[in-house]
Structures are given as C-alpha cells and as structure tokens.
C-alpha cells in the first residue's frame, strides 16, 4: 500500500500536486 503511494507521488506533476493541495485546502476551510 505504501509503495503505491510513493509511485503516485512521483507520477504526479507539480501543477497537479498544487491542484490537489488547493482542493484539499478548500475542503478543509469548508469544514472549519
């Protein structure tokens, strides 16, 4: 399970990572 996570992180491009972080951050603000 952990190896899969590492591969996904390497596979994700920088813009995609920022988008994912932005979405998670927005959801977190909604729950606050």
PDB file of N, CA and C in Angstrom:
ATOM      1  N   UNK A   1       0.854  -1.208   0.000  1.00  0.00           N
ATOM      2  CA  UNK A   1       0.000   0.000   0.000  1.00  0.00           C
ATOM      3  C   UNK A   1       0.892   1.263   0.000  1.00  0.00           C
ATOM      4  N   UNK A   2       1.951   1.225   0.813  1.00  0.00           N
ATOM      5  CA  UNK A   2       2.795   2.406   0.900  1.00  0.00           C
ATOM      6  C   UNK A   2       3.600   2.608  -0.393  1.00  0.00           C
ATOM      7  N   UNK A   3       4.039   1.499  -0.976  1.00  0.00           N
ATOM      8  CA  UNK A   3       4.815   1.613  -2.227  1.00  0.00           C
ATOM      9  C   UNK A   3       3.952   2.274  -3.306  1.00  0.00           C
ATOM     10  N   UNK A   4       2.677   1.917  -3.348  1.00  0.00           N
ATOM     11  CA  UNK A   4       1.776   2.510  -4.343  1.00  0.00           C
ATOM     12  C   UNK A   4       1.691   4.029  -4.135  1.00  0.00           C
ATOM     13  N   UNK A   5       1.657   4.446  -2.876  1.00  0.00           N
ATOM     14  CA  UNK A   5       1.546   5.870  -2.563  1.00  0.00           C
ATOM     15  C   UNK A   5       2.773   6.615  -3.085  1.00  0.00           C
ATOM     16  N   UNK A   6       3.963   6.035  -2.873  1.00  0.00           N
ATOM     17  CA  UNK A   6       5.191   6.684  -3.332  1.00  0.00           C
ATOM     18  C   UNK A   6       5.172   6.833  -4.854  1.00  0.00           C
ATOM     19  N   UNK A   7       4.773   5.787  -5.547  1.00  0.00           N
ATOM     20  CA  UNK A   7       4.736   5.837  -7.008  1.00  0.00           C
ATOM     21  C   UNK A   7       3.791   6.944  -7.472  1.00  0.00           C
ATOM     22  N   UNK A   8       2.666   7.065  -6.804  1.00  0.00           N
ATOM     23  CA  UNK A   8       1.677   8.080  -7.195  1.00  0.00           C
ATOM     24  C   UNK A   8       2.290   9.479  -7.013  1.00  0.00           C
ATOM     25  N   UNK A   9       3.013   9.682  -5.914  1.00  0.00           N
ATOM     26  CA  UNK A   9       3.622  10.996  -5.676  1.00  0.00           C
ATOM     27  C   UNK A   9       4.624  11.321  -6.773  1.00  0.00           C
ATOM     28  N   UNK A  10       5.445  10.340  -7.152  1.00  0.00           N
ATOM     29  CA  UNK A  10       6.439  10.571  -8.212  1.00  0.00           C
ATOM     30  C   UNK A  10       5.740  10.837  -9.541  1.00  0.00           C
ATOM     31  N   UNK A  11       4.644  10.120  -9.789  1.00  0.00           N
ATOM     32  CA  UNK A  11       3.930  10.234 -11.068  1.00  0.00           C
ATOM     33  C   UNK A  11       3.270  11.604 -11.212  1.00  0.00           C
ATOM     34  N   UNK A  12       2.764  12.141 -10.109  1.00  0.00           N
ATOM     35  CA  UNK A  12       2.035  13.413 -10.175  1.00  0.00           C
ATOM     36  C   UNK A  12       2.980  14.546 -10.578  1.00  0.00           C
ATOM     37  N   UNK A  13       2.508  15.382 -11.501  1.00  0.00           N
ATOM     38  CA  UNK A  13       3.315  16.529 -11.911  1.00  0.00           C
ATOM     39  C   UNK A  13       3.141  17.652 -10.901  1.00  0.00           C
ATOM     40  N   UNK A  14       4.021  18.651 -10.957  1.00  0.00           N
ATOM     41  CA  UNK A  14       3.951  19.729  -9.968  1.00  0.00           C
ATOM     42  C   UNK A  14       2.605  20.454  -9.999  1.00  0.00           C
ATOM     43  N   UNK A  15       2.105  20.876 -11.168  1.00  0.00           N
ATOM     44  CA  UNK A  15       0.794  21.559 -11.224  1.00  0.00           C
ATOM     45  C   UNK A  15      -0.323  20.706 -10.634  1.00  0.00           C
ATOM     46  N   UNK A  16      -0.260  19.392 -10.894  1.00  0.00           N
ATOM     47  CA  UNK A  16      -1.307  18.504 -10.345  1.00  0.00           C
ATOM     48  C   UNK A  16      -1.237  18.501  -8.825  1.00  0.00           C
ATOM     49  N   UNK A  17      -0.018  18.455  -8.289  1.00  0.00           N
ATOM     50  CA  UNK A  17       0.147  18.445  -6.828  1.00  0.00           C
ATOM     51  C   UNK A  17      -0.451  19.717  -6.230  1.00  0.00           C
ATOM     52  N   UNK A  18      -0.190  20.860  -6.863  1.00  0.00           N
ATOM     53  CA  UNK A  18      -0.722  22.134  -6.354  1.00  0.00           C
ATOM     54  C   UNK A  18      -2.251  22.105  -6.403  1.00  0.00           C
ATOM     55  N   UNK A  19      -2.794  21.564  -7.491  1.00  0.00           N
ATOM     56  CA  UNK A  19      -4.253  21.499  -7.622  1.00  0.00           C
ATOM     57  C   UNK A  19      -4.846  20.636  -6.517  1.00  0.00           C
ATOM     58  N   UNK A  20      -4.225  19.475  -6.265  1.00  0.00           N
ATOM     59  CA  UNK A  20      -4.731  18.567  -5.219  1.00  0.00           C
ATOM     60  C   UNK A  20      -4.672  19.266  -3.869  1.00  0.00           C
ATOM     61  N   UNK A  21      -3.540  19.936  -3.592  1.00  0.00           N
ATOM     62  CA  UNK A  21      -3.391  20.629  -2.304  1.00  0.00           C
ATOM     63  C   UNK A  21      -4.460  21.726  -2.192  1.00  0.00           C
ATOM     64  N   UNK A  22      -4.685  22.440  -3.298  1.00  0.00           N
ATOM     65  CA  UNK A  22      -5.691  23.511  -3.276  1.00  0.00           C
ATOM     66  C   UNK A  22      -7.078  22.963  -2.984  1.00  0.00           C
ATOM     67  N   UNK A  23      -7.414  21.839  -3.598  1.00  0.00           N
ATOM     68  CA  UNK A  23      -8.736  21.242  -3.379  1.00  0.00           C
ATOM     69  C   UNK A  23      -8.866  20.802  -1.920  1.00  0.00           C
ATOM     70  N   UNK A  24      -7.850  20.114  -1.414  1.00  0.00           N
ATOM     71  CA  UNK A  24      -7.890  19.646  -0.017  1.00  0.00           C
ATOM     72  C   UNK A  24      -7.994  20.837   0.923  1.00  0.00           C
ATOM     73  N   UNK A  25      -7.231  21.902   0.632  1.00  0.00           N
ATOM     74  CA  UNK A  25      -7.238  23.087   1.475  1.00  0.00           C
ATOM     75  C   UNK A  25      -8.622  23.729   1.476  1.00  0.00           C
ATOM     76  N   UNK A  26      -9.240  23.827   0.280  1.00  0.00           N
ATOM     77  CA  UNK A  26     -10.573  24.418   0.174  1.00  0.00           C
ATOM     78  C   UNK A  26     -11.582  23.596   0.968  1.00  0.00           C
ATOM     79  N   UNK A  27     -11.484  22.265   0.862  1.00  0.00           N
ATOM     80  CA  UNK A  27     -12.410  21.394   1.604  1.00  0.00           C
ATOM     81  C   UNK A  27     -12.204  21.588   3.106  1.00  0.00           C
ATOM     82  N   UNK A  28     -10.934  21.697   3.516  1.00  0.00           N
ATOM     83  CA  UNK A  28     -10.643  21.882   4.947  1.00  0.00           C
ATOM     84  C   UNK A  28     -11.279  23.174   5.443  1.00  0.00           C
ATOM     85  N   UNK A  29     -11.204  24.232   4.653  1.00  0.00           N
ATOM     86  CA  UNK A  29     -11.799  25.511   5.066  1.00  0.00           C
ATOM     87  C   UNK A  29     -13.316  25.367   5.181  1.00  0.00           C
ATOM     88  N   UNK A  30     -13.913  24.607   4.276  1.00  0.00           N
ATOM     89  CA  UNK A  30     -15.368  24.415   4.315  1.00  0.00           C
ATOM     90  C   UNK A  30     -15.778  23.733   5.621  1.00  0.00           C
ATOM     91  N   UNK A  31     -14.944  22.784   6.098  1.00  0.00           N
ATOM     92  CA  UNK A  31     -15.303  22.048   7.307  1.00  0.00           C
ATOM     93  C   UNK A  31     -15.063  22.879   8.563  1.00  0.00           C
ATOM     94  N   UNK A  32     -14.190  23.887   8.475  1.00  0.00           N
ATOM     95  CA  UNK A  32     -13.891  24.700   9.663  1.00  0.00           C
ATOM     96  C   UNK A  32     -15.072  25.604  10.008  1.00  0.00           C
TER      97      UNK A  32
END
